[in-house]
Amino acid sequence: EDLARRTGAVLDALEEALRWERQRSRGARDLVVCLAGEPNAGKSTLFNRLAGGELRAATGPALVSDVAGTTRDPARGRWTIEAGSELAVELVDTAGLFAGGAAPTELDARAVARARAELEAADLVLVVADASEPDERALELVREVGPRGLLVWNKTDLQAAAPRPTEALLEAAAAGHGWVGISAGAGTGLAELARSCASALDENASAGRS
């Protein structure tokens, strides 16, 4: 157990050093778009859609599973947003920010800490929510990221999916860049998502938030 704690501390220190080096070496740094949300909301499926194929991350595709919390370490890729003109951004897929039903482990805590560090460094945060199982925790996250957030209402192709977010979510999303309905699994709504992201990044840069 002591060895596991020390190993975790070393890994955390390495992650922080690598993050600092990436930011230092980029100079005029790339814009960063971060995927965040509750476990199993479809973040990793969306990551693979946006940064898949030839744009696959150097770390490999994010692991996708029906088991909540599969993604632990952030996965990184390049996403070329095609919305009138092309804009290449760094895309980051984080671990779920919320623990599942079981008591969170030390590994869970480290994953959440890393996810929050990525959120703080991002120019735009896509809060991915499961339209088939709306969760109040998504509302907490939309409120937390505020003006840098865009709500992504995912899994709209499922029969159980609500056609639009709750009024509370809509109100919270209005403080940021609104919301977009998509299905990462079916690949629908991605063009609208690209346009919304391009617009949001431009607005953030104009307002001096990025």
Protein backbone atom coordinates (compact mmCIF):
# COMPACT_ATOMS: atom_id res chain seq x y z
CA GLU A 1 0.00 0.00 0.00
CA ASP A 2 2.85 2.39 0.84
CA LEU A 3 4.57 1.49 -2.43
CA ALA A 4 1.33 2.22 -4.32
CA ARG A 5 1.09 5.66 -2.69
CA ARG A 6 4.71 6.49 -3.53
CA THR A 7 4.27 5.26 -7.11
CA GLY A 8 1.16 7.39 -7.44
CA ALA A 9 3.01 10.45 -6.17
CA VAL A 10 5.80 9.90 -8.70
CA LEU A 11 3.29 9.50 -11.54
CA ASP A 12 1.49 12.67 -10.48
CA ALA A 13 4.79 14.60 -10.42
CA LEU A 14 5.71 13.29 -13.87
CA GLU A 15 2.30 14.25 -15.25
CA GLU A 16 2.65 17.78 -13.87
CA ALA A 17 6.18 18.09 -15.31
CA LEU A 18 5.02 16.90 -18.72
CA ARG A 19 2.08 19.33 -18.67
CA TRP A 20 4.43 22.22 -17.85
CA GLU A 21 6.88 21.19 -20.57
CA ARG A 22 4.09 20.97 -23.16
CA GLN A 23 2.95 24.49 -22.33
CA ARG A 24 6.54 25.85 -22.30
CA SER A 25 7.56 24.26 -25.59
CA ARG A 26 4.43 25.32 -27.44
CA GLY A 27 5.28 29.03 -27.10
CA ALA A 28 2.27 30.41 -28.91
CA ARG A 29 0.38 27.44 -27.62
CA ASP A 30 -2.32 25.48 -29.36
CA LEU A 31 -5.87 25.97 -28.21
CA VAL A 32 -7.01 23.20 -25.89
CA VAL A 33 -10.49 21.67 -25.88
CA CYS A 34 -11.21 19.41 -22.93
CA LEU A 35 -13.92 16.74 -22.70
CA ALA A 36 -15.39 16.42 -19.22
CA GLY A 37 -18.40 14.87 -17.57
CA GLU A 38 -19.70 12.05 -15.45
CA PRO A 39 -18.42 8.48 -16.02
CA ASN A 40 -19.88 6.69 -19.04
CA ALA A 41 -21.41 9.83 -20.55
CA GLY A 42 -19.70 9.04 -23.85
CA LYS A 43 -16.61 11.26 -23.61
CA SER A 44 -14.21 8.61 -24.92
CA THR A 45 -16.50 7.68 -27.81
CA LEU A 46 -16.66 11.35 -28.75
CA PHE A 47 -12.88 11.68 -28.43
CA ASN A 48 -12.37 8.77 -30.81
CA ARG A 49 -14.84 10.32 -33.27
CA LEU A 50 -13.13 13.69 -33.29
CA ALA A 51 -9.48 12.63 -33.02
CA GLY A 52 -9.71 9.18 -34.61
CA GLY A 53 -8.26 7.80 -37.84
CA GLU A 54 -5.17 9.66 -39.02
CA LEU A 55 -5.58 12.18 -36.17
CA ARG A 56 -5.38 9.49 -33.49
CA ALA A 57 -3.65 10.58 -30.28
CA ALA A 58 -0.07 9.52 -29.68
CA THR A 59 -1.29 7.83 -26.49
CA GLY A 60 -3.67 5.69 -28.55
CA PRO A 61 -7.45 5.83 -28.59
CA ALA A 62 -9.27 6.24 -25.31
CA LEU A 63 -10.59 3.01 -23.85
CA VAL A 64 -14.35 2.66 -24.25
CA SER A 65 -16.42 0.40 -22.01
CA ASP A 66 -19.85 0.12 -20.42
CA VAL A 67 -18.04 0.17 -17.08
CA ALA A 68 -18.06 3.66 -15.57
CA GLY A 69 -14.61 5.11 -14.93
CA THR A 70 -12.74 3.13 -17.60
CA THR A 71 -10.71 6.19 -18.64
CA ARG A 72 -8.09 7.02 -16.00
CA ASP A 73 -5.26 9.06 -17.53
CA PRO A 74 -5.96 11.94 -19.93
CA ALA A 75 -5.73 10.94 -23.59
CA ARG A 76 -4.60 13.57 -26.11
CA GLY A 77 -5.25 13.98 -29.78
CA ARG A 78 -5.44 16.53 -32.56
CA TRP A 79 -8.83 17.68 -33.78
CA THR A 80 -9.07 19.74 -36.94
CA ILE A 81 -12.29 21.72 -36.61
CA GLU A 82 -13.78 22.30 -40.04
CA ALA A 83 -16.24 25.17 -39.80
CA GLY A 84 -15.71 27.53 -42.72
CA SER A 85 -11.98 27.48 -42.15
CA GLU A 86 -9.83 24.83 -40.49
CA LEU A 87 -8.70 25.20 -36.88
CA ALA A 88 -6.42 22.58 -35.30
CA VAL A 89 -6.76 22.19 -31.53
CA GLU A 90 -5.44 19.84 -28.89
CA LEU A 91 -8.26 17.58 -27.70
CA VAL A 92 -8.08 16.08 -24.20
CA ASP A 93 -10.25 13.24 -22.91
CA THR A 94 -10.31 13.20 -19.12
CA ALA A 95 -11.31 10.60 -16.58
CA GLY A 96 -14.80 10.98 -15.14
CA LEU A 97 -14.95 13.69 -12.52
CA PHE A 98 -17.38 11.80 -10.33
CA ALA A 99 -17.03 8.44 -8.61
CA GLY A 100 -19.47 5.65 -9.32
CA GLY A 101 -21.53 3.75 -6.77
CA ALA A 102 -18.55 2.13 -5.07
CA ALA A 103 -16.36 4.02 -2.60
CA PRO A 104 -13.71 5.95 -4.57
CA THR A 105 -10.19 4.57 -4.43
CA GLU A 106 -6.88 6.43 -4.32
CA LEU A 107 -6.62 5.80 -8.07
CA ASP A 108 -10.02 7.45 -8.53
CA ALA A 109 -8.87 10.47 -6.52
CA ARG A 110 -5.72 10.88 -8.63
CA ALA A 111 -7.73 10.58 -11.83
CA VAL A 112 -10.16 13.27 -10.66
CA ALA A 113 -7.28 15.58 -9.64
CA ARG A 114 -5.69 15.23 -13.07
CA ALA A 115 -9.03 15.83 -14.78
CA ARG A 116 -9.55 19.06 -12.83
CA ALA A 117 -6.05 20.25 -13.72
CA GLU A 118 -6.89 19.72 -17.40
CA LEU A 119 -10.15 21.66 -16.98
CA GLU A 120 -8.34 24.62 -15.49
CA ALA A 121 -5.85 24.74 -18.37
CA ALA A 122 -8.41 24.35 -21.18
CA ASP A 123 -9.61 27.13 -23.47
CA LEU A 124 -12.96 25.39 -23.94
CA VAL A 125 -14.61 22.67 -21.86
CA LEU A 126 -17.15 20.36 -23.51
CA VAL A 127 -19.37 19.08 -20.72
CA VAL A 128 -20.67 15.77 -22.05
CA ALA A 129 -23.99 14.66 -20.56
CA ASP A 130 -25.96 11.46 -21.18
CA ALA A 131 -29.35 12.44 -22.62
CA SER A 132 -30.76 9.00 -21.83
CA GLU A 133 -29.89 9.26 -18.14
CA PRO A 134 -29.79 12.94 -17.13
CA ASP A 135 -27.77 13.44 -13.96
CA GLU A 136 -27.73 16.45 -11.64
CA ARG A 137 -23.94 16.18 -11.47
CA ALA A 138 -23.76 17.45 -15.05
CA LEU A 139 -25.49 20.60 -13.84
CA GLU A 140 -22.81 21.08 -11.19
CA LEU A 141 -20.07 20.83 -13.80
CA VAL A 142 -21.75 23.20 -16.27
CA ARG A 143 -22.02 25.78 -13.50
CA GLU A 144 -18.42 25.17 -12.44
CA VAL A 145 -16.85 25.81 -15.86
CA GLY A 146 -19.12 28.79 -16.50
CA PRO A 147 -18.20 30.95 -19.52
CA ARG A 148 -15.66 28.46 -20.88
CA GLY A 149 -18.25 25.68 -21.14
CA LEU A 150 -20.34 24.16 -23.92
CA LEU A 151 -22.93 21.52 -22.96
CA VAL A 152 -22.87 18.47 -25.24
CA TRP A 153 -26.19 16.56 -24.96
CA ASN A 154 -25.00 13.11 -26.02
CA LYS A 155 -26.72 9.82 -26.94
CA THR A 156 -29.71 11.58 -28.51
CA ASP A 157 -30.22 8.55 -30.79
CA LEU A 158 -31.31 6.35 -27.88
CA GLN A 159 -35.02 5.74 -27.39
CA ALA A 160 -34.83 6.80 -23.75
CA ALA A 161 -33.05 10.07 -24.55
CA ALA A 162 -34.65 13.36 -23.57
CA PRO A 163 -34.85 15.61 -26.66
CA ARG A 164 -33.35 18.57 -24.83
CA PRO A 165 -31.68 19.34 -21.50
CA THR A 166 -33.66 20.29 -18.42
CA GLU A 167 -34.53 23.93 -17.83
CA ALA A 168 -31.92 24.10 -15.07
CA LEU A 169 -29.23 22.81 -17.45
CA LEU A 170 -30.32 25.21 -20.19
CA GLU A 171 -30.12 28.13 -17.79
CA ALA A 172 -26.65 27.11 -16.61
CA ALA A 173 -25.43 26.49 -20.17
CA ALA A 174 -26.57 29.97 -21.18
CA ALA A 175 -23.78 31.37 -18.98
CA GLY A 176 -21.35 29.72 -21.37
CA HIS A 177 -21.81 28.79 -25.03
CA GLY A 178 -25.16 27.03 -24.86
CA TRP A 179 -25.69 23.42 -25.85
CA VAL A 180 -25.51 21.04 -28.80
CA GLY A 181 -27.35 17.74 -29.23
CA ILE A 182 -25.29 14.89 -30.69
CA SER A 183 -24.84 11.15 -30.78
CA ALA A 184 -21.16 10.27 -30.61
CA GLY A 185 -22.05 6.62 -31.16
CA ALA A 186 -24.08 7.27 -34.33
CA GLY A 187 -21.90 10.17 -35.47
CA THR A 188 -24.75 12.67 -35.73
CA GLY A 189 -24.61 16.35 -34.79
CA LEU A 190 -20.83 16.56 -35.10
CA ALA A 191 -20.87 19.27 -37.79
CA GLU A 192 -22.97 21.50 -35.55
CA LEU A 193 -20.65 20.71 -32.64
CA ALA A 194 -17.65 21.79 -34.75
CA ARG A 195 -19.33 25.08 -35.66
CA SER A 196 -20.27 25.74 -32.03
CA CYS A 197 -16.72 25.01 -30.83
CA ALA A 198 -15.15 27.28 -33.45
CA SER A 199 -17.53 30.08 -32.49
CA ALA A 200 -16.94 29.54 -28.76
CA LEU A 201 -13.14 29.59 -29.11
CA ASP A 202 -13.35 32.77 -31.15
CA GLU A 203 -15.62 34.43 -28.56
CA ASN A 204 -13.35 33.36 -25.71
CA ALA A 205 -10.29 34.76 -27.48
CA SER A 206 -12.07 38.04 -28.21
CA ALA A 207 -13.13 38.34 -24.59
CA GLY A 208 -9.59 37.60 -23.35
CA ARG A 209 -10.67 34.42 -21.53
CA SER A 210 -8.42 31.99 -23.43
